[in-house]
Amino acid sequence: MDINKYSPKFKLKNSDLLHLADLSSEEIFELLYAAKVMKKKYKVGENVNFLRGKTVGLLFGNVSTRTRVSFELGIRQLGGDYIFLPKDETQLSRGESIKDTAAMLGRFGLSALVLRGFNDAELEDFASYSDIPVVNGISDTSHPLQVLSDLFTVWEKKGRLQNLKLAYIGDGNNVANSLIIGCSKCDMNIAIASPSGYSPARSIVERGMQFGDILITDSVAEAVKDADIVYTDVFISMSDEDDEKKKVKLEKYRVTKEVMALAKEDALFMHCMPVRRGEEVSADVADGPQSIMYDQAENRLHLNKAALALLMTGER
């Protein structure tokens, strides 16, 4: 499906946003078009009060820069309020059940809940026991908001999504998982280059193959050939302990100028940040003319605002 031929209705069928696998191609497009509107209004200084009188809970199980700042500022820009809840400062850290926590937060007047650093089972429990929308800020297996903003950034920079090729190089982590689903549902081709033992889960790959072409390889050159986008992430995710053995195995998967030269001449470099220059990417690529990672980071603000607006004000 071509996003440029889609007519948005600015509605979502889902009341929660947990994984991209739960969204149709049309719902992904709805979010991207809404992000486009949000960014346009932001750039001209027009803040809309979609969330006036609403409060969003930010329940975070780990530290954050972009997710926290983009949500806190985005909620304010939409006229709403938020309460930041570090998990280790709640009774969840002392064994209180998700059922009791979810029910209580809704009764206190929260209008939506953003979770960060919870596993899939915990996300599903929160969604099942909450009467308010639940949003996955990041989990061990997926990072839907990041990849939605990535798709928005690609659309913005390339003018289309259909038939573009994205090559992801490195650890087959939660970002890679969501890229597989998101790209395939938007008619993009995706190639993943990872060493043995660090490829994305087979179940994710098989699900993505229902929608588009996916290449899983241990060859960086094979993955990057004819790529429009080259993407990487940190070798050690924040939920993992430092692993020197893993770093050594991933050394050959560093994105360098030589790797970028294997892609199309006008290929762009993407990284969801934080960046470890010299580890997963060389500094001359991260800070070079092909890099759009700061545009990605900014677009988290606009996509997060779009997601909250559609989930909290849309009719179903």
C-alpha atoms as a PDB file:
ATOM      1  CA  MET A   1       0.000   0.000   0.000  1.00  0.00           C
ATOM      2  CA  ASP A   2       1.332   3.420  -0.997  1.00  0.00           C
ATOM      3  CA  ILE A   3       1.167   5.920   1.869  1.00  0.00           C
ATOM      4  CA  ASN A   4       0.996   8.812  -0.611  1.00  0.00           C
ATOM      5  CA  LYS A   5      -2.268   7.437  -2.003  1.00  0.00           C
ATOM      6  CA  TYR A   6      -3.830   6.935   1.427  1.00  0.00           C
ATOM      7  CA  SER A   7      -6.499   9.311   2.729  1.00  0.00           C
ATOM      8  CA  PRO A   8      -6.233   9.588   6.528  1.00  0.00           C
ATOM      9  CA  LYS A   9      -9.287   9.593   8.766  1.00  0.00           C
ATOM     10  CA  PHE A  10      -7.263  10.352  11.921  1.00  0.00           C
ATOM     11  CA  LYS A  11      -8.777   7.423  13.789  1.00  0.00           C
ATOM     12  CA  LEU A  12      -7.390   4.238  15.316  1.00  0.00           C
ATOM     13  CA  LYS A  13      -9.265   1.004  15.885  1.00  0.00           C
ATOM     14  CA  ASN A  14      -7.000  -0.004  18.766  1.00  0.00           C
ATOM     15  CA  SER A  15      -7.368   1.570  22.181  1.00  0.00           C
ATOM     16  CA  ASP A  16      -3.782   0.597  23.143  1.00  0.00           C
ATOM     17  CA  LEU A  17      -0.447   0.805  21.342  1.00  0.00           C
ATOM     18  CA  LEU A  18       1.677  -2.121  22.461  1.00  0.00           C
ATOM     19  CA  HIS A  19       3.308  -3.601  19.347  1.00  0.00           C
ATOM     20  CA  LEU A  20       3.380  -2.777  15.642  1.00  0.00           C
ATOM     21  CA  ALA A  21       2.145  -6.301  14.973  1.00  0.00           C
ATOM     22  CA  ASP A  22      -1.183  -5.203  16.491  1.00  0.00           C
ATOM     23  CA  LEU A  23      -1.590  -2.386  13.943  1.00  0.00           C
ATOM     24  CA  SER A  24      -2.760  -2.614  10.356  1.00  0.00           C
ATOM     25  CA  SER A  25      -0.918  -0.794   7.586  1.00  0.00           C
ATOM     26  CA  GLU A  26      -3.744   1.725   7.574  1.00  0.00           C
ATOM     27  CA  GLU A  27      -3.356   2.410  11.301  1.00  0.00           C
ATOM     28  CA  ILE A  28       0.378   2.955  10.853  1.00  0.00           C
ATOM     29  CA  PHE A  29      -0.409   5.458   8.099  1.00  0.00           C
ATOM     30  CA  GLU A  30      -2.935   7.188  10.364  1.00  0.00           C
ATOM     31  CA  LEU A  31      -0.203   7.724  12.951  1.00  0.00           C
ATOM     32  CA  LEU A  32       2.299   8.980  10.376  1.00  0.00           C
ATOM     33  CA  TYR A  33      -0.162  11.452   8.888  1.00  0.00           C
ATOM     34  CA  ALA A  34      -1.073  12.663  12.371  1.00  0.00           C
ATOM     35  CA  ALA A  35       2.633  13.143  13.131  1.00  0.00           C
ATOM     36  CA  LYS A  36       2.936  15.196   9.944  1.00  0.00           C
ATOM     37  CA  VAL A  37       0.126  17.474  11.145  1.00  0.00           C
ATOM     38  CA  MET A  38       1.648  17.754  14.607  1.00  0.00           C
ATOM     39  CA  LYS A  39       5.041  18.726  13.205  1.00  0.00           C
ATOM     40  CA  LYS A  40       3.560  21.315  10.855  1.00  0.00           C
ATOM     41  CA  LYS A  41       1.682  22.952  13.722  1.00  0.00           C
ATOM     42  CA  TYR A  42       4.774  22.830  15.942  1.00  0.00           C
ATOM     43  CA  LYS A  43       6.937  24.534  13.325  1.00  0.00           C
ATOM     44  CA  VAL A  44       4.557  27.499  13.030  1.00  0.00           C
ATOM     45  CA  GLY A  45       4.118  27.762  16.794  1.00  0.00           C
ATOM     46  CA  GLU A  46       0.546  26.477  16.840  1.00  0.00           C
ATOM     47  CA  ASN A  47      -0.130  24.246  19.816  1.00  0.00           C
ATOM     48  CA  VAL A  48      -3.495  22.516  19.901  1.00  0.00           C
ATOM     49  CA  ASN A  49      -5.279  21.532  23.098  1.00  0.00           C
ATOM     50  CA  PHE A  50      -6.167  17.946  22.258  1.00  0.00           C
ATOM     51  CA  LEU A  51      -5.280  16.875  25.793  1.00  0.00           C
ATOM     52  CA  ARG A  52      -6.803  19.731  27.761  1.00  0.00           C
ATOM     53  CA  GLY A  53      -8.069  18.409  31.073  1.00  0.00           C
ATOM     54  CA  LYS A  54      -6.228  15.086  30.629  1.00  0.00           C
ATOM     55  CA  THR A  55      -3.305  13.664  32.590  1.00  0.00           C
ATOM     56  CA  VAL A  56      -0.899  11.008  31.301  1.00  0.00           C
ATOM     57  CA  GLY A  57       1.015   8.687  33.598  1.00  0.00           C
ATOM     58  CA  LEU A  58       4.628   7.975  32.627  1.00  0.00           C
ATOM     59  CA  LEU A  59       5.515   4.742  34.432  1.00  0.00           C
ATOM     60  CA  PHE A  60       9.176   4.063  33.657  1.00  0.00           C
ATOM     61  CA  GLY A  61      11.151   1.015  34.694  1.00  0.00           C
ATOM     62  CA  ASN A  62      14.455   2.346  33.351  1.00  0.00           C
ATOM     63  CA  VAL A  63      16.172   5.625  32.590  1.00  0.00           C
ATOM     64  CA  SER A  64      15.378   7.655  29.505  1.00  0.00           C
ATOM     65  CA  THR A  65      16.254  10.830  27.659  1.00  0.00           C
ATOM     66  CA  ARG A  66      14.309  11.014  24.385  1.00  0.00           C
ATOM     67  CA  THR A  67      11.220   9.079  25.478  1.00  0.00           C
ATOM     68  CA  ARG A  68      10.781  11.040  28.688  1.00  0.00           C
ATOM     69  CA  VAL A  69      11.514  14.507  27.288  1.00  0.00           C
ATOM     70  CA  SER A  70       9.435  14.017  24.137  1.00  0.00           C
ATOM     71  CA  PHE A  71       6.433  12.826  26.141  1.00  0.00           C
ATOM     72  CA  GLU A  72       6.667  15.448  28.877  1.00  0.00           C
ATOM     73  CA  LEU A  73       7.023  18.345  26.443  1.00  0.00           C
ATOM     74  CA  GLY A  74       4.587  16.861  23.944  1.00  0.00           C
ATOM     75  CA  ILE A  75       1.861  16.457  26.563  1.00  0.00           C
ATOM     76  CA  ARG A  76       2.328  20.068  27.638  1.00  0.00           C
ATOM     77  CA  GLN A  77       2.211  21.253  24.028  1.00  0.00           C
ATOM     78  CA  LEU A  78      -1.111  19.463  23.645  1.00  0.00           C
ATOM     79  CA  GLY A  79      -2.510  21.251  26.683  1.00  0.00           C
ATOM     80  CA  GLY A  80      -2.365  18.257  28.998  1.00  0.00           C
ATOM     81  CA  ASP A  81      -0.552  17.325  32.190  1.00  0.00           C
ATOM     82  CA  TYR A  82       1.559  14.332  33.215  1.00  0.00           C
ATOM     83  CA  ILE A  83       2.829  12.570  36.295  1.00  0.00           C
ATOM     84  CA  PHE A  84       6.225  10.859  36.144  1.00  0.00           C
ATOM     85  CA  LEU A  85       6.326   7.560  38.024  1.00  0.00           C
ATOM     86  CA  PRO A  86       9.697   5.783  38.340  1.00  0.00           C
ATOM     87  CA  LYS A  87       8.820   2.122  38.851  1.00  0.00           C
ATOM     88  CA  ASP A  88      11.247   1.732  41.751  1.00  0.00           C
ATOM     89  CA  GLU A  89       9.415   4.510  43.596  1.00  0.00           C
ATOM     90  CA  THR A  90       6.061   2.736  43.342  1.00  0.00           C
ATOM     91  CA  GLN A  91       4.683  -0.289  45.187  1.00  0.00           C
ATOM     92  CA  LEU A  92       5.278  -2.356  42.043  1.00  0.00           C
ATOM     93  CA  SER A  93       8.889  -2.565  43.204  1.00  0.00           C
ATOM     94  CA  ARG A  94       7.646  -4.126  46.450  1.00  0.00           C
ATOM     95  CA  GLY A  95       5.426  -6.753  44.873  1.00  0.00           C
ATOM     96  CA  GLU A  96       2.082  -5.028  44.345  1.00  0.00           C
ATOM     97  CA  SER A  97       0.193  -6.620  41.473  1.00  0.00           C
ATOM     98  CA  ILE A  98      -0.181  -5.025  38.065  1.00  0.00           C
ATOM     99  CA  LYS A  99      -3.934  -5.585  38.359  1.00  0.00           C
ATOM    100  CA  ASP A 100      -4.202  -3.431  41.478  1.00  0.00           C
ATOM    101  CA  THR A 101      -1.852  -0.770  40.130  1.00  0.00           C
ATOM    102  CA  ALA A 102      -3.618  -0.487  36.776  1.00  0.00           C
ATOM    103  CA  ALA A 103      -7.087  -0.276  38.310  1.00  0.00           C
ATOM    104  CA  MET A 104      -6.000   2.326  40.854  1.00  0.00           C
ATOM    105  CA  LEU A 105      -4.250   4.615  38.353  1.00  0.00           C
ATOM    106  CA  GLY A 106      -7.359   4.815  36.204  1.00  0.00           C
ATOM    107  CA  ARG A 107      -9.592   5.606  39.186  1.00  0.00           C
ATOM    108  CA  PHE A 108      -7.286   8.399  40.253  1.00  0.00           C
ATOM    109  CA  GLY A 109      -8.063  10.149  36.979  1.00  0.00           C
ATOM    110  CA  LEU A 110      -5.226   9.291  34.602  1.00  0.00           C
ATOM    111  CA  SER A 111      -6.341   9.402  30.980  1.00  0.00           C
ATOM    112  CA  ALA A 112      -3.532   7.248  29.536  1.00  0.00           C
ATOM    113  CA  LEU A 113      -0.478   5.320  30.699  1.00  0.00           C
ATOM    114  CA  VAL A 114       2.924   5.129  28.997  1.00  0.00           C
ATOM    115  CA  LEU A 115       5.038   2.164  30.108  1.00  0.00           C
ATOM    116  CA  ARG A 116       8.791   1.908  29.611  1.00  0.00           C
ATOM    117  CA  GLY A 117      11.009  -1.030  30.543  1.00  0.00           C
ATOM    118  CA  PHE A 118       8.295  -3.656  31.072  1.00  0.00           C
ATOM    119  CA  ASN A 119       8.188  -7.092  29.460  1.00  0.00           C
ATOM    120  CA  ASP A 120       5.496  -8.270  27.056  1.00  0.00           C
ATOM    121  CA  ALA A 121       3.483 -10.167  29.656  1.00  0.00           C
ATOM    122  CA  GLU A 122       3.434  -7.127  31.930  1.00  0.00           C
ATOM    123  CA  LEU A 123       2.338  -4.891  29.047  1.00  0.00           C
ATOM    124  CA  GLU A 124      -0.533  -7.221  28.256  1.00  0.00           C
ATOM    125  CA  ASP A 125      -1.553  -7.327  31.909  1.00  0.00           C
ATOM    126  CA  PHE A 126      -1.613  -3.550  32.180  1.00  0.00           C
ATOM    127  CA  ALA A 127      -3.709  -3.307  29.014  1.00  0.00           C
ATOM    128  CA  SER A 128      -6.167  -5.958  30.188  1.00  0.00           C
ATOM    129  CA  TYR A 129      -6.705  -4.364  33.611  1.00  0.00           C
ATOM    130  CA  SER A 130      -6.693  -0.714  32.495  1.00  0.00           C
ATOM    131  CA  ASP A 131      -9.738   1.196  31.349  1.00  0.00           C
ATOM    132  CA  ILE A 132      -7.428   3.811  29.817  1.00  0.00           C
ATOM    133  CA  PRO A 133      -5.107   3.577  26.779  1.00  0.00           C
ATOM    134  CA  VAL A 134      -1.772   1.876  27.442  1.00  0.00           C
ATOM    135  CA  VAL A 135       1.274   2.760  25.339  1.00  0.00           C
ATOM    136  CA  ASN A 136       4.503   0.780  25.072  1.00  0.00           C
ATOM    137  CA  GLY A 137       7.379   3.248  25.459  1.00  0.00           C
ATOM    138  CA  ILE A 138       9.876   0.390  25.006  1.00  0.00           C
ATOM    139  CA  SER A 139       9.983  -3.273  25.984  1.00  0.00           C
ATOM    140  CA  ASP A 140      12.536  -6.060  25.662  1.00  0.00           C
ATOM    141  CA  THR A 141      11.078  -7.253  22.365  1.00  0.00           C
ATOM    142  CA  SER A 142       9.717  -4.131  20.675  1.00  0.00           C
ATOM    143  CA  HIS A 143      10.043  -0.374  20.338  1.00  0.00           C
ATOM    144  CA  PRO A 144       6.946   0.678  18.374  1.00  0.00           C
ATOM    145  CA  LEU A 145       7.083   4.441  18.934  1.00  0.00           C
ATOM    146  CA  GLN A 146      10.703   4.604  17.828  1.00  0.00           C
ATOM    147  CA  VAL A 147      10.035   2.755  14.603  1.00  0.00           C
ATOM    148  CA  LEU A 148       6.874   4.727  13.868  1.00  0.00           C
ATOM    149  CA  SER A 149       8.901   7.927  14.149  1.00  0.00           C
ATOM    150  CA  ASP A 150      11.594   6.311  11.998  1.00  0.00           C
ATOM    151  CA  LEU A 151       9.044   5.545   9.291  1.00  0.00           C
ATOM    152  CA  PHE A 152       7.795   9.103   9.510  1.00  0.00           C
ATOM    153  CA  THR A 153      11.374  10.366   9.128  1.00  0.00           C
ATOM    154  CA  VAL A 154      12.015   8.170   6.079  1.00  0.00           C
ATOM    155  CA  TRP A 155       8.767   9.342   4.490  1.00  0.00           C
ATOM    156  CA  GLU A 156       9.727  12.936   5.206  1.00  0.00           C
ATOM    157  CA  LYS A 157      13.226  12.583   3.737  1.00  0.00           C
ATOM    158  CA  LYS A 158      12.564  10.263   0.808  1.00  0.00           C
ATOM    159  CA  GLY A 159       9.004  11.313  -0.066  1.00  0.00           C
ATOM    160  CA  ARG A 160       7.753   7.744  -0.015  1.00  0.00           C
ATOM    161  CA  LEU A 161       7.997   4.418   1.785  1.00  0.00           C
ATOM    162  CA  GLN A 162       6.934   1.910  -0.827  1.00  0.00           C
ATOM    163  CA  ASN A 163       9.776  -0.092  -2.429  1.00  0.00           C
ATOM    164  CA  LEU A 164      12.524   1.571  -0.397  1.00  0.00           C
ATOM    165  CA  LYS A 165      15.158  -0.706   1.148  1.00  0.00           C
ATOM    166  CA  LEU A 166      16.287  -0.359   4.751  1.00  0.00           C
ATOM    167  CA  ALA A 167      19.377  -2.253   5.899  1.00  0.00           C
ATOM    168  CA  TYR A 168      19.755  -2.786   9.651  1.00  0.00           C
ATOM    169  CA  ILE A 169      23.252  -3.719  10.819  1.00  0.00           C
ATOM    170  CA  GLY A 170      24.018  -5.138  14.260  1.00  0.00           C
ATOM    171  CA  ASP A 171      22.239  -6.806  17.159  1.00  0.00           C
ATOM    172  CA  GLY A 172      18.799  -8.221  16.358  1.00  0.00           C
ATOM    173  CA  ASN A 173      17.182  -6.429  19.281  1.00  0.00           C
ATOM    174  CA  ASN A 174      13.806  -4.821  20.008  1.00  0.00           C
ATOM    175  CA  VAL A 175      14.405  -2.055  17.449  1.00  0.00           C
ATOM    176  CA  ALA A 176      15.259  -4.602  14.762  1.00  0.00           C
ATOM    177  CA  ASN A 177      12.110  -6.563  15.623  1.00  0.00           C
ATOM    178  CA  SER A 178       9.896  -3.509  15.253  1.00  0.00           C
ATOM    179  CA  LEU A 179      11.655  -2.421  12.055  1.00  0.00           C
ATOM    180  CA  ILE A 180      10.887  -5.812  10.515  1.00  0.00           C
ATOM    181  CA  ILE A 181       7.183  -5.467  11.238  1.00  0.00           C
ATOM    182  CA  GLY A 182       6.904  -1.746  10.525  1.00  0.00           C
ATOM    183  CA  CYS A 183       8.823  -1.771   7.246  1.00  0.00           C
ATOM    184  CA  SER A 184       7.099  -4.862   5.910  1.00  0.00           C
ATOM    185  CA  LYS A 185       3.652  -3.410   6.658  1.00  0.00           C
ATOM    186  CA  CYS A 186       4.592  -0.251   4.741  1.00  0.00           C
ATOM    187  CA  ASP A 187       5.768  -2.122   1.620  1.00  0.00           C
ATOM    188  CA  MET A 188       9.423  -1.431   2.362  1.00  0.00           C
ATOM    189  CA  ASN A 189      12.108  -4.049   1.846  1.00  0.00           C
ATOM    190  CA  ILE A 190      14.257  -4.747   4.894  1.00  0.00           C
ATOM    191  CA  ALA A 191      17.553  -6.575   5.287  1.00  0.00           C
ATOM    192  CA  ILE A 192      19.074  -7.487   8.659  1.00  0.00           C
ATOM    193  CA  ALA A 193      22.788  -8.257   8.998  1.00  0.00           C
ATOM    194  CA  SER A 194      23.683  -9.846  12.340  1.00  0.00           C
ATOM    195  CA  PRO A 195      26.254 -12.417  13.468  1.00  0.00           C
ATOM    196  CA  SER A 196      25.167 -15.931  14.335  1.00  0.00           C
ATOM    197  CA  GLY A 197      23.343 -15.976  17.642  1.00  0.00           C
ATOM    198  CA  TYR A 198      22.237 -12.356  17.442  1.00  0.00           C
ATOM    199  CA  SER A 199      19.643 -12.427  14.671  1.00  0.00           C
ATOM    200  CA  PRO A 200      16.040 -11.309  15.321  1.00  0.00           C
ATOM    201  CA  ALA A 201      13.628 -13.926  16.631  1.00  0.00           C
ATOM    202  CA  ARG A 202      12.428 -16.316  13.962  1.00  0.00           C
ATOM    203  CA  SER A 203       8.799 -15.744  14.969  1.00  0.00           C
ATOM    204  CA  ILE A 204       9.173 -12.010  14.242  1.00  0.00           C
ATOM    205  CA  VAL A 205      10.781 -12.675  10.866  1.00  0.00           C
ATOM    206  CA  GLU A 206       8.065 -15.122   9.868  1.00  0.00           C
ATOM    207  CA  ARG A 207       5.378 -12.649  10.853  1.00  0.00           C
ATOM    208  CA  GLY A 208       7.018  -9.902   8.828  1.00  0.00           C
ATOM    209  CA  MET A 209       7.320 -12.175   5.806  1.00  0.00           C
ATOM    210  CA  GLN A 210       3.533 -12.241   5.619  1.00  0.00           C
ATOM    211  CA  PHE A 211       3.671  -8.612   4.498  1.00  0.00           C
ATOM    212  CA  GLY A 212       6.927  -8.061   2.617  1.00  0.00           C
ATOM    213  CA  ASP A 213      10.422  -9.139   1.606  1.00  0.00           C
ATOM    214  CA  ILE A 214      12.866  -9.696   4.456  1.00  0.00           C
ATOM    215  CA  LEU A 215      16.510 -10.732   4.155  1.00  0.00           C
ATOM    216  CA  ILE A 216      18.303 -12.146   7.180  1.00  0.00           C
ATOM    217  CA  THR A 217      22.030 -12.569   6.629  1.00  0.00           C
ATOM    218  CA  ASP A 218      25.391 -12.475   8.394  1.00  0.00           C
ATOM    219  CA  SER A 219      26.858 -10.467   5.511  1.00  0.00           C
ATOM    220  CA  VAL A 220      26.951  -6.689   5.895  1.00  0.00           C
ATOM    221  CA  ALA A 221      27.714  -6.241   2.188  1.00  0.00           C
ATOM    222  CA  GLU A 222      24.728  -8.344   1.160  1.00  0.00           C
ATOM    223  CA  ALA A 223      22.367  -6.449   3.465  1.00  0.00           C
ATOM    224  CA  VAL A 224      23.579  -2.980   2.500  1.00  0.00           C
ATOM    225  CA  LYS A 225      23.627  -3.514  -1.269  1.00  0.00           C
ATOM    226  CA  ASP A 226      21.218  -1.041  -2.943  1.00  0.00           C
ATOM    227  CA  ALA A 227      19.962   0.180   0.446  1.00  0.00           C
ATOM    228  CA  ASP A 228      18.227   3.555   0.683  1.00  0.00           C
ATOM    229  CA  ILE A 229      18.624   3.617   4.457  1.00  0.00           C
ATOM    230  CA  VAL A 230      21.385   2.154   6.635  1.00  0.00           C
ATOM    231  CA  TYR A 231      20.364   1.801  10.283  1.00  0.00           C
ATOM    232  CA  THR A 232      22.112   0.636  13.432  1.00  0.00           C
ATOM    233  CA  ASP A 233      21.698   0.625  17.204  1.00  0.00           C
ATOM    234  CA  VAL A 234      23.950   0.171  20.229  1.00  0.00           C
ATOM    235  CA  PHE A 235      25.553  -3.244  20.616  1.00  0.00           C
ATOM    236  CA  ILE A 236      24.518  -3.528  24.275  1.00  0.00           C
ATOM    237  CA  SER A 237      20.893  -2.619  24.938  1.00  0.00           C
ATOM    238  CA  MET A 238      20.078  -0.854  28.191  1.00  0.00           C
ATOM    239  CA  SER A 239      18.359  -3.915  29.640  1.00  0.00           C
ATOM    240  CA  ASP A 240      21.477  -6.061  29.051  1.00  0.00           C
ATOM    241  CA  GLU A 241      24.622  -6.325  31.104  1.00  0.00           C
ATOM    242  CA  ASP A 242      27.882  -5.219  29.503  1.00  0.00           C
ATOM    243  CA  ASP A 243      29.110  -8.152  27.401  1.00  0.00           C
ATOM    244  CA  GLU A 244      32.621  -7.960  25.965  1.00  0.00           C
ATOM    245  CA  LYS A 245      32.169 -11.234  24.075  1.00  0.00           C
ATOM    246  CA  LYS A 246      29.124  -9.811  22.319  1.00  0.00           C
ATOM    247  CA  LYS A 247      30.955  -6.587  21.474  1.00  0.00           C
ATOM    248  CA  VAL A 248      33.829  -8.537  19.916  1.00  0.00           C
ATOM    249  CA  LYS A 249      31.411 -10.584  17.825  1.00  0.00           C
ATOM    250  CA  LEU A 250      29.637  -7.430  16.642  1.00  0.00           C
ATOM    251  CA  GLU A 251      32.811  -5.492  15.794  1.00  0.00           C
ATOM    252  CA  LYS A 252      32.533  -6.532  12.145  1.00  0.00           C
ATOM    253  CA  TYR A 253      29.046  -4.992  12.083  1.00  0.00           C
ATOM    254  CA  ARG A 254      30.174  -1.420  12.722  1.00  0.00           C
ATOM    255  CA  VAL A 255      28.761   1.082  10.217  1.00  0.00           C
ATOM    256  CA  THR A 256      31.665   2.935   8.606  1.00  0.00           C
ATOM    257  CA  LYS A 257      32.146   5.090   5.526  1.00  0.00           C
ATOM    258  CA  GLU A 258      33.159   1.922   3.685  1.00  0.00           C
ATOM    259  CA  VAL A 259      29.851   0.287   4.637  1.00  0.00           C
ATOM    260  CA  MET A 260      27.876   3.359   3.573  1.00  0.00           C
ATOM    261  CA  ALA A 261      29.681   3.275   0.211  1.00  0.00           C
ATOM    262  CA  LEU A 262      28.111  -0.132  -0.459  1.00  0.00           C
ATOM    263  CA  ALA A 263      24.612   1.375  -0.275  1.00  0.00           C
ATOM    264  CA  LYS A 264      23.007   3.708  -2.798  1.00  0.00           C
ATOM    265  CA  GLU A 265      24.815   6.978  -3.392  1.00  0.00           C
ATOM    266  CA  ASP A 266      22.004   8.952  -1.755  1.00  0.00           C
ATOM    267  CA  ALA A 267      21.558   6.520   1.150  1.00  0.00           C
ATOM    268  CA  LEU A 268      20.835   7.987   4.577  1.00  0.00           C
ATOM    269  CA  PHE A 269      22.168   6.840   7.945  1.00  0.00           C
ATOM    270  CA  MET A 270      19.815   6.338  10.896  1.00  0.00           C
ATOM    271  CA  HIS A 271      20.418   5.576  14.568  1.00  0.00           C
ATOM    272  CA  CYS A 272      17.786   5.597  17.316  1.00  0.00           C
ATOM    273  CA  MET A 273      20.314   6.860  19.915  1.00  0.00           C
ATOM    274  CA  PRO A 274      22.062   6.917  22.329  1.00  0.00           C
ATOM    275  CA  VAL A 275      25.173   6.591  20.129  1.00  0.00           C
ATOM    276  CA  ARG A 276      28.477   4.936  21.010  1.00  0.00           C
ATOM    277  CA  ARG A 277      30.768   6.495  18.405  1.00  0.00           C
ATOM    278  CA  GLY A 278      33.562   4.121  17.480  1.00  0.00           C
ATOM    279  CA  GLU A 279      31.562   1.096  18.613  1.00  0.00           C
ATOM    280  CA  GLU A 280      28.487   0.442  16.435  1.00  0.00           C
ATOM    281  CA  VAL A 281      29.165   3.405  14.122  1.00  0.00           C
ATOM    282  CA  SER A 282      32.189   5.499  13.239  1.00  0.00           C
ATOM    283  CA  ALA A 283      32.104   9.173  14.185  1.00  0.00           C
ATOM    284  CA  ASP A 284      32.492  10.296  10.569  1.00  0.00           C
ATOM    285  CA  VAL A 285      29.253   8.509   9.679  1.00  0.00           C
ATOM    286  CA  ALA A 286      27.265   9.482  12.777  1.00  0.00           C
ATOM    287  CA  ASP A 287      28.243  13.126  12.328  1.00  0.00           C
ATOM    288  CA  GLY A 288      28.507  13.068   8.539  1.00  0.00           C
ATOM    289  CA  PRO A 289      26.273  14.495   5.805  1.00  0.00           C
ATOM    290  CA  GLN A 290      24.277  11.284   5.344  1.00  0.00           C
ATOM    291  CA  SER A 291      23.227  11.102   8.991  1.00  0.00           C
ATOM    292  CA  ILE A 292      19.665  12.048   9.920  1.00  0.00           C
ATOM    293  CA  MET A 293      19.699  10.735  13.476  1.00  0.00           C
ATOM    294  CA  TYR A 294      18.882  14.121  15.008  1.00  0.00           C
ATOM    295  CA  ASP A 295      15.850  14.381  12.715  1.00  0.00           C
ATOM    296  CA  GLN A 296      14.797  10.954  14.004  1.00  0.00           C
ATOM    297  CA  ALA A 297      15.167  12.165  17.579  1.00  0.00           C
ATOM    298  CA  GLU A 298      13.101  15.297  16.960  1.00  0.00           C
ATOM    299  CA  ASN A 299      10.382  13.312  15.258  1.00  0.00           C
ATOM    300  CA  ARG A 300       9.827  11.291  18.416  1.00  0.00           C
ATOM    301  CA  LEU A 301       8.149  14.428  19.790  1.00  0.00           C
ATOM    302  CA  HIS A 302       5.733  14.707  16.886  1.00  0.00           C
ATOM    303  CA  LEU A 303       4.960  10.985  16.674  1.00  0.00           C
ATOM    304  CA  ASN A 304       4.373  10.651  20.411  1.00  0.00           C
ATOM    305  CA  LYS A 305       1.971  13.597  20.307  1.00  0.00           C
ATOM    306  CA  ALA A 306       0.174  12.004  17.360  1.00  0.00           C
ATOM    307  CA  ALA A 307      -0.164   8.684  19.185  1.00  0.00           C
ATOM    308  CA  LEU A 308      -1.595  10.267  22.334  1.00  0.00           C
ATOM    309  CA  ALA A 309      -3.990  12.463  20.383  1.00  0.00           C
ATOM    310  CA  LEU A 310      -5.381   9.576  18.345  1.00  0.00           C
ATOM    311  CA  LEU A 311      -5.585   7.152  21.266  1.00  0.00           C
ATOM    312  CA  MET A 312      -7.117   9.597  23.743  1.00  0.00           C
ATOM    313  CA  THR A 313      -9.476  11.618  21.554  1.00  0.00           C
ATOM    314  CA  GLY A 314     -10.340   9.324  18.633  1.00  0.00           C
ATOM    315  CA  GLU A 315     -13.772   7.762  18.217  1.00  0.00           C
ATOM    316  CA  ARG A 316     -13.981   3.986  17.809  1.00  0.00           C
END
